[in-house]
Protein backbone atom coordinates (compact mmCIF):
# COMPACT_ATOMS: atom_id res chain seq x y z
CA UNK A 1 -8.15 -142.29 133.48
CA UNK A 2 -10.99 -143.13 131.83
CA UNK A 3 -11.86 -146.78 130.73
CA UNK A 4 -13.24 -147.39 126.95
CA UNK A 5 -14.57 -150.39 125.81
CA UNK A 6 -12.98 -152.15 122.62
CA UNK A 7 -14.05 -154.58 120.49
CA UNK A 8 -12.23 -156.97 118.62
CA UNK A 9 -14.80 -158.14 116.21
CA UNK A 10 -18.75 -158.79 115.96
CA UNK A 11 -18.46 -162.31 116.53
CA UNK A 12 -14.95 -162.40 118.63
CA UNK A 13 -12.71 -162.69 115.46
CA UNK A 14 -9.48 -161.16 116.74
CA UNK A 15 -10.47 -161.37 120.34
CA UNK A 16 -7.50 -164.27 120.50
CA UNK A 17 -4.77 -161.85 118.49
CA UNK A 18 -5.59 -159.16 120.54
CA UNK A 19 -5.26 -161.17 123.63
CA UNK A 20 -2.26 -163.12 122.43
CA UNK A 21 -0.66 -159.93 120.92
CA UNK A 22 -1.05 -157.48 123.74
CA UNK A 23 -2.80 -155.02 121.56
CA UNK A 24 -6.50 -153.43 121.66
CA UNK A 25 -7.38 -154.13 117.69
CA UNK A 26 -10.44 -152.51 115.89
CA UNK A 27 -11.53 -153.36 112.44
CA UNK A 28 -12.10 -150.56 109.48
CA UNK A 29 -9.57 -153.05 107.41
CA UNK A 30 -10.82 -150.42 104.49
CA UNK A 31 -9.16 -147.04 105.79
CA UNK A 32 -5.38 -146.96 105.49
CA UNK A 33 -2.90 -146.16 108.13
CA UNK A 34 -4.45 -143.45 110.53
CA UNK A 35 -0.98 -141.82 112.25
CA UNK A 36 -1.18 -139.03 110.29
CA UNK A 37 -4.63 -137.52 110.48
CA UNK A 38 -4.23 -134.94 113.21
CA UNK A 39 -7.56 -133.14 112.91
CA UNK A 40 -11.40 -134.36 113.11
CA UNK A 41 -12.29 -132.61 109.77
CA UNK A 42 -9.41 -134.74 107.99
CA UNK A 43 -10.55 -137.94 109.34
CA UNK A 44 -14.16 -137.21 108.46
CA UNK A 45 -12.46 -136.84 104.64
CA UNK A 46 -10.82 -140.17 104.56
CA UNK A 47 -13.32 -141.64 105.37
CA UNK A 48 -16.23 -139.90 102.84
CA UNK A 49 -13.66 -141.03 100.46
CA UNK A 50 -13.18 -144.65 101.51
CA UNK A 51 -17.03 -145.19 101.87
CA UNK A 52 -18.86 -142.77 99.60
CA UNK A 53 -22.29 -144.08 100.29
CA UNK A 54 -22.68 -143.89 103.83
CA UNK A 55 -24.85 -141.78 105.38
CA UNK A 56 -24.41 -138.20 107.48
CA UNK A 57 -25.33 -140.25 110.49
CA UNK A 58 -22.90 -143.53 109.79
CA UNK A 59 -20.15 -141.32 109.32
CA UNK A 60 -20.73 -139.03 112.18
CA UNK A 61 -20.67 -142.15 113.87
CA UNK A 62 -17.47 -143.91 113.14
CA UNK A 63 -15.57 -140.94 113.23
CA UNK A 64 -16.48 -140.09 116.44
CA UNK A 65 -14.82 -143.83 117.17
CA UNK A 66 -12.57 -143.68 115.36
CA UNK A 67 -10.66 -140.35 116.29
CA UNK A 68 -11.53 -141.49 120.00
CA UNK A 69 -9.58 -144.46 119.45
CA UNK A 70 -6.71 -142.58 117.77
CA UNK A 71 -6.83 -139.28 120.02
CA UNK A 72 -8.79 -139.48 122.74
CA UNK A 73 -7.74 -142.59 124.54
CA UNK A 74 -4.39 -141.81 126.51
CA UNK A 75 -2.12 -144.11 128.04
CA UNK A 76 -3.02 -145.20 131.36
CA UNK A 77 -6.11 -145.61 130.20
CA UNK A 78 -8.30 -148.74 130.69
CA UNK A 79 -9.70 -150.60 127.51
CA UNK A 80 -12.21 -153.39 128.35
CA UNK A 81 -12.68 -155.92 125.96
CA UNK A 82 -15.87 -157.81 126.59
CA UNK A 83 -15.54 -161.44 125.24
CA UNK A 84 -17.77 -163.55 122.66
CA UNK A 85 -16.32 -166.42 122.80
CA UNK A 86 -16.43 -167.10 126.55
CA UNK A 87 -18.50 -165.79 129.56
CA UNK A 88 -15.49 -163.10 130.68
CA UNK A 89 -14.12 -160.27 130.27
CA UNK A 90 -10.74 -158.34 129.63
CA UNK A 91 -9.22 -155.54 131.37
CA UNK A 92 -5.84 -153.44 129.96
CA UNK A 93 -4.09 -150.81 130.18
CA UNK A 94 -2.93 -148.92 126.87
CA UNK A 95 0.65 -148.33 127.00
CA UNK A 96 1.67 -146.09 123.78
CA UNK A 97 -0.09 -144.25 121.17
CA UNK A 98 -2.29 -145.77 118.07
CA UNK A 99 0.14 -148.29 115.58
CA UNK A 100 -0.93 -149.75 112.35
CA UNK A 101 0.20 -152.80 112.22
CA UNK A 102 0.58 -154.14 108.19
CA UNK A 103 1.88 -157.10 109.52
CA UNK A 104 -1.28 -158.26 111.31
CA UNK A 105 -3.70 -159.75 109.59
CA UNK A 106 -5.79 -157.45 107.00
CA UNK A 107 -8.98 -156.87 109.71
CA UNK A 108 -6.68 -155.93 112.41
CA UNK A 109 -4.09 -153.13 111.53
CA UNK A 110 -5.82 -149.91 113.53
CA UNK A 111 -4.21 -151.01 116.91
CA UNK A 112 -3.33 -149.71 120.32
CA UNK A 113 -1.02 -151.37 122.38
CA UNK A 114 -1.89 -152.76 125.86
CA UNK A 115 -0.80 -154.70 129.11
CA UNK A 116 -3.85 -156.65 130.27
CA UNK A 117 -4.36 -157.04 133.62
CA UNK A 118 -6.54 -160.05 133.25
CA UNK A 119 -7.89 -161.74 130.40
CA UNK A 120 -10.33 -163.85 132.24
CA UNK A 121 -12.55 -161.72 134.60
CA UNK A 122 -15.68 -163.78 134.89
CA UNK A 123 -19.01 -161.32 133.47
CA UNK A 124 -20.40 -161.99 137.05
CA UNK A 125 -18.07 -159.80 138.76
CA UNK A 126 -19.30 -156.73 137.64
CA UNK A 127 -22.79 -155.25 138.52
CA UNK A 128 -25.97 -155.26 136.20
CA UNK A 129 -25.37 -151.78 135.19
CA UNK A 130 -21.93 -151.93 134.37
CA UNK A 131 -22.49 -154.71 132.07
CA UNK A 132 -25.58 -152.33 130.63
CA UNK A 133 -22.86 -149.88 129.50
CA UNK A 134 -20.07 -152.47 128.65
CA UNK A 135 -23.11 -153.73 126.34
CA UNK A 136 -22.80 -150.35 124.40
CA UNK A 137 -23.86 -151.36 120.73
CA UNK A 138 -20.42 -149.17 119.75
CA UNK A 139 -17.24 -150.70 118.92
CA UNK A 140 -14.86 -148.00 120.49
CA UNK A 141 -17.07 -145.87 123.11
CA UNK A 142 -16.15 -144.43 127.05
CA UNK A 143 -17.71 -145.99 129.95
CA UNK A 144 -18.07 -143.52 132.51
CA UNK A 145 -21.71 -143.92 134.32
CA UNK A 146 -21.49 -144.47 137.94
CA UNK A 147 -18.73 -143.97 138.95
CA UNK A 148 -16.98 -146.60 136.57
CA UNK A 149 -13.56 -146.32 136.17
CA UNK A 150 -12.68 -146.35 139.73
CA UNK A 151 -15.58 -149.59 140.44
CA UNK A 152 -13.70 -151.03 137.84
CA UNK A 153 -10.04 -150.35 139.73
CA UNK A 154 -11.40 -151.63 142.66
CA UNK A 155 -12.40 -154.99 140.80
CA UNK A 156 -8.81 -155.29 139.16
CA UNK A 157 -7.64 -154.83 143.04
CA UNK A 158 -10.12 -157.36 144.72
CA UNK A 159 -11.17 -154.63 146.93
CA UNK A 160 -14.98 -153.69 147.50
CA UNK A 161 -16.25 -151.17 144.79
CA UNK A 162 -16.81 -147.30 146.00
CA UNK A 163 -20.02 -146.31 146.32
CA UNK A 164 -22.33 -144.65 143.95
CA UNK A 165 -22.72 -140.96 144.62
CA UNK A 166 -26.52 -139.92 145.76
CA UNK A 167 -28.59 -139.42 142.58
CA UNK A 168 -26.83 -142.38 140.67
CA UNK A 169 -29.74 -144.45 138.84
CA UNK A 170 -30.57 -148.14 139.52
CA UNK A 171 -29.55 -151.27 137.97
CA UNK A 172 -32.34 -151.58 135.06
CA UNK A 173 -32.43 -147.80 134.64
CA UNK A 174 -32.66 -147.07 130.78
CA UNK A 175 -29.05 -145.49 129.25
CA UNK A 176 -27.73 -142.19 130.51
CA UNK A 177 -28.10 -139.45 127.68
CA UNK A 178 -25.42 -139.16 125.29
CA UNK A 179 -24.96 -142.75 125.96
CA UNK A 180 -24.70 -145.79 123.02
CA UNK A 181 -27.61 -148.02 123.17
CA UNK A 182 -26.90 -151.23 125.05
CA UNK A 183 -26.87 -154.63 122.98
CA UNK A 184 -29.99 -155.73 124.36
CA UNK A 185 -29.80 -159.60 123.40
CA UNK A 186 -26.37 -159.28 126.02
CA UNK A 187 -28.37 -157.24 128.54
CA UNK A 188 -31.04 -160.11 128.15
CA UNK A 189 -28.44 -162.47 128.85
CA UNK A 190 -26.68 -160.83 131.49
CA UNK A 191 -30.00 -160.88 133.07
CA UNK A 192 -30.34 -164.88 132.47
CA UNK A 193 -27.19 -165.74 134.21
CA UNK A 194 -27.46 -163.51 137.24
CA UNK A 195 -30.37 -164.87 137.92
CA UNK A 196 -28.96 -168.69 137.43
CA UNK A 197 -26.12 -167.50 139.12
CA UNK A 198 -28.33 -167.07 141.97
CA UNK A 199 -31.26 -169.63 142.04
CA UNK A 200 -29.08 -173.14 140.84
CA UNK A 201 -26.09 -173.02 143.05
CA UNK A 202 -24.38 -176.39 143.58
CA UNK A 203 -26.04 -179.30 143.22
CA UNK A 204 -29.05 -177.57 141.11
CA UNK A 205 -26.71 -176.25 138.68
CA UNK A 206 -25.92 -180.16 138.44
CA UNK A 207 -29.33 -180.18 137.89
CA UNK A 208 -29.80 -178.00 135.30
CA UNK A 209 -26.51 -179.49 133.05
CA UNK A 210 -28.75 -182.99 133.84
CA UNK A 211 -31.75 -181.27 132.25
CA UNK A 212 -29.48 -180.01 129.22
CA UNK A 213 -28.44 -182.96 128.18
CA UNK A 214 -31.61 -185.04 128.46
CA UNK A 215 -32.65 -182.38 126.00
CA UNK A 216 -29.81 -182.96 123.52
CA UNK A 217 -31.00 -186.99 123.56
CA UNK A 218 -28.20 -188.01 126.25
CA UNK A 219 -29.60 -191.06 128.96
CA UNK A 220 -28.06 -189.38 132.23
CA UNK A 221 -27.29 -190.39 135.25
CA UNK A 222 -26.85 -187.60 137.94
CA UNK A 223 -24.49 -188.60 141.27
CA UNK A 224 -26.28 -187.53 144.80
CA UNK A 225 -25.46 -184.94 146.89
CA UNK A 226 -21.86 -185.10 148.03
CA UNK A 227 -18.38 -187.04 147.32
CA UNK A 228 -18.67 -188.20 143.64
CA UNK A 229 -15.77 -189.53 142.89
CA UNK A 230 -14.88 -186.65 140.40
CA UNK A 231 -17.87 -187.07 138.46
CA UNK A 232 -21.16 -185.42 138.71
CA UNK A 233 -23.16 -186.92 135.58
CA UNK A 234 -22.71 -189.96 133.29
CA UNK A 235 -24.42 -189.72 129.92
CA UNK A 236 -24.77 -192.18 126.70
CA UNK A 237 -26.50 -192.07 123.90
CA UNK A 238 -29.08 -194.88 123.23
CA UNK A 239 -32.52 -196.00 125.03
CA UNK A 240 -30.37 -197.00 127.66
CA UNK A 241 -27.24 -195.10 127.64
CA UNK A 242 -25.03 -197.25 125.96
CA UNK A 243 -24.43 -195.84 122.68
CA UNK A 244 -21.22 -193.55 122.14
CA UNK A 245 -20.63 -191.01 122.54
CA UNK A 246 -20.56 -192.31 126.97
CA UNK A 247 -19.36 -188.25 128.78
CA UNK A 248 -18.11 -188.18 132.21
CA UNK A 249 -19.46 -184.67 133.36
CA UNK A 250 -17.81 -182.73 135.94
CA UNK A 251 -19.73 -179.28 137.29
CA UNK A 252 -18.19 -176.64 139.28
CA UNK A 253 -20.22 -173.60 140.47
CA UNK A 254 -17.96 -171.48 142.46
CA UNK A 255 -17.58 -168.24 140.82
CA UNK A 256 -13.92 -168.18 140.29
CA UNK A 257 -12.21 -169.67 137.41
CA UNK A 258 -11.17 -173.01 138.11
CA UNK A 259 -7.20 -174.05 136.46
CA UNK A 260 -5.81 -176.87 134.97
CA UNK A 261 -6.03 -179.65 137.73
CA UNK A 262 -9.62 -179.84 137.28
CA UNK A 263 -9.72 -181.01 133.77
CA UNK A 264 -6.60 -183.42 134.82
CA UNK A 265 -8.67 -184.57 137.68
CA UNK A 266 -11.48 -185.45 135.10
CA UNK A 267 -9.27 -187.12 132.51
CA UNK A 268 -7.63 -189.51 134.94
CA UNK A 269 -11.05 -190.65 136.27
CA UNK A 270 -13.01 -191.19 132.86
CA UNK A 271 -11.75 -194.77 132.00
CA UNK A 272 -13.26 -195.35 135.42
CA UNK A 273 -16.46 -195.50 134.08
CA UNK A 274 -15.37 -196.16 130.28
CA UNK A 275 -16.00 -192.90 129.14
CA UNK A 276 -14.71 -191.61 125.88
CA UNK A 277 -15.24 -188.22 126.26
CA UNK A 278 -15.67 -185.67 129.04
CA UNK A 279 -17.04 -182.71 129.81
CA UNK A 280 -16.34 -180.16 132.29
CA UNK A 281 -18.62 -177.08 133.16
CA UNK A 282 -17.19 -174.46 135.26
CA UNK A 283 -19.58 -171.27 136.15
CA UNK A 284 -17.09 -169.04 136.59
CA UNK A 285 -14.93 -169.92 134.10
CA UNK A 286 -11.68 -171.19 133.46
CA UNK A 287 -7.74 -170.29 133.46
CA UNK A 288 -5.95 -169.32 130.24
CA UNK A 289 -4.09 -172.86 130.94
CA UNK A 290 -7.42 -174.52 131.03
CA UNK A 291 -7.75 -173.21 127.21
CA UNK A 292 -4.23 -173.98 126.70
CA UNK A 293 -4.46 -177.71 127.40
CA UNK A 294 -7.96 -178.01 126.00
CA UNK A 295 -6.72 -177.34 122.63
CA UNK A 296 -5.02 -180.75 122.31
CA UNK A 297 -8.12 -182.31 123.60
CA UNK A 298 -10.34 -181.30 121.23
CA UNK A 299 -11.46 -185.27 120.36
CA UNK A 300 -12.17 -185.88 124.24
CA UNK A 301 -13.11 -182.86 126.03
CA UNK A 302 -15.15 -180.03 126.18
CA UNK A 303 -15.62 -177.05 128.58
CA UNK A 304 -18.91 -174.96 129.28
CA UNK A 305 -18.26 -171.56 130.90
CA UNK A 306 -21.39 -170.12 132.09
CA UNK A 307 -21.87 -168.46 128.56
CA UNK A 308 -21.87 -172.05 126.90
CA UNK A 309 -24.33 -173.21 129.79
CA UNK A 310 -26.37 -170.55 129.21
CA UNK A 311 -26.00 -171.26 125.27
CA UNK A 312 -27.32 -174.22 125.07
CA UNK A 313 -29.68 -173.71 127.65
CA UNK A 314 -31.71 -171.25 125.50
CA UNK A 315 -30.79 -173.68 122.46
CA UNK A 316 -33.20 -176.80 124.20
CA UNK A 317 -35.40 -174.46 126.77
CA UNK A 318 -38.32 -175.80 125.01
CA UNK A 319 -37.04 -178.77 125.54
CA UNK A 320 -36.50 -178.81 129.28
CA UNK A 321 -39.14 -180.28 131.67
CA UNK A 322 -42.06 -177.70 132.89
CA UNK A 323 -41.30 -177.69 136.17
CA UNK A 324 -37.51 -176.43 135.63
CA UNK A 325 -39.13 -173.90 132.96
CA UNK A 326 -41.35 -172.65 135.81
CA UNK A 327 -38.23 -172.16 138.05
CA UNK A 328 -36.57 -170.59 135.09
CA UNK A 329 -38.73 -169.02 133.30
CA UNK A 330 -38.02 -167.42 130.16
CA UNK A 331 -39.37 -165.61 127.04
CA UNK A 332 -38.94 -164.76 123.33
CA UNK A 333 -39.29 -161.35 121.93
CA UNK A 334 -38.69 -159.98 118.88
CA UNK A 335 -36.67 -156.84 119.14
CA UNK A 336 -35.31 -154.56 115.67
CA UNK A 337 -31.11 -154.67 115.61
CA UNK A 338 -30.09 -151.31 116.41
CA UNK A 339 -27.03 -150.46 113.58
CA UNK A 340 -24.41 -148.32 114.67
CA UNK A 341 -26.04 -145.21 112.66
């Protein structure tokens, strides 16, 4: 059984639809129903008709991705959807052929039915070489390097991954021949996330959150290690922290996603601290029930998973204390953004 990457928009704009509707969804909304396309030559001719100004390289690239989505992906194959809006990866099993869905929004009509096996596996559960492959700068591509299919199925089953074959490369190797180039920004972020997960565990993760909130101009008080009454950090605006918004913050450093009981516990203690709002930070992410309940608490609660925490840290890195920057040495670089051509 093959493993395929199928993204749901460059910025995750079709993620929730894909997960809610049990679908793999791609863009190319300008193209009509492709159900009757039976040869790659016919697909290329249709593509050139719709996009007459496309370069030869872009045509070959996009036609290859579309052909894979329509014909090469088979029922029983796995589909991987790296989520843009939280630090998690959804994995599903393809259950049927390509289907054009005119009942869906215009940019989400090219679909494959999928049974999602998990919608919230934390990115830190994946080895770095798999994340490298999942960061391919493509919408659709096959993931086959380093025994990927067997290793991902072992992850789903909660089993130890099978060993790599002798001669397979290291986690930091360059892309294998024929493998699409990675999104270097995503790859670098995964490296930063892995480093933080190793170096900032337990109370040190709360210290990192404290530093980020301080950089955001909050006056912060952090609880010492040990029992904290359900709150790790209290924070408020103003020189003494008396001004609104006043926050209660709970930080969870475990690798697994947390459930809705933690959110409810935090809401329950807000009044004890005179807080108007709450921030729940969970390094291992959140179960879907937490997101469902948090939708009704938009003006009271914010959720940060590892991806959001890393983003906040990068946004305020220059304002972090020098000793923390020394523990977490980062450097901003410029690089050319590859295109799908």
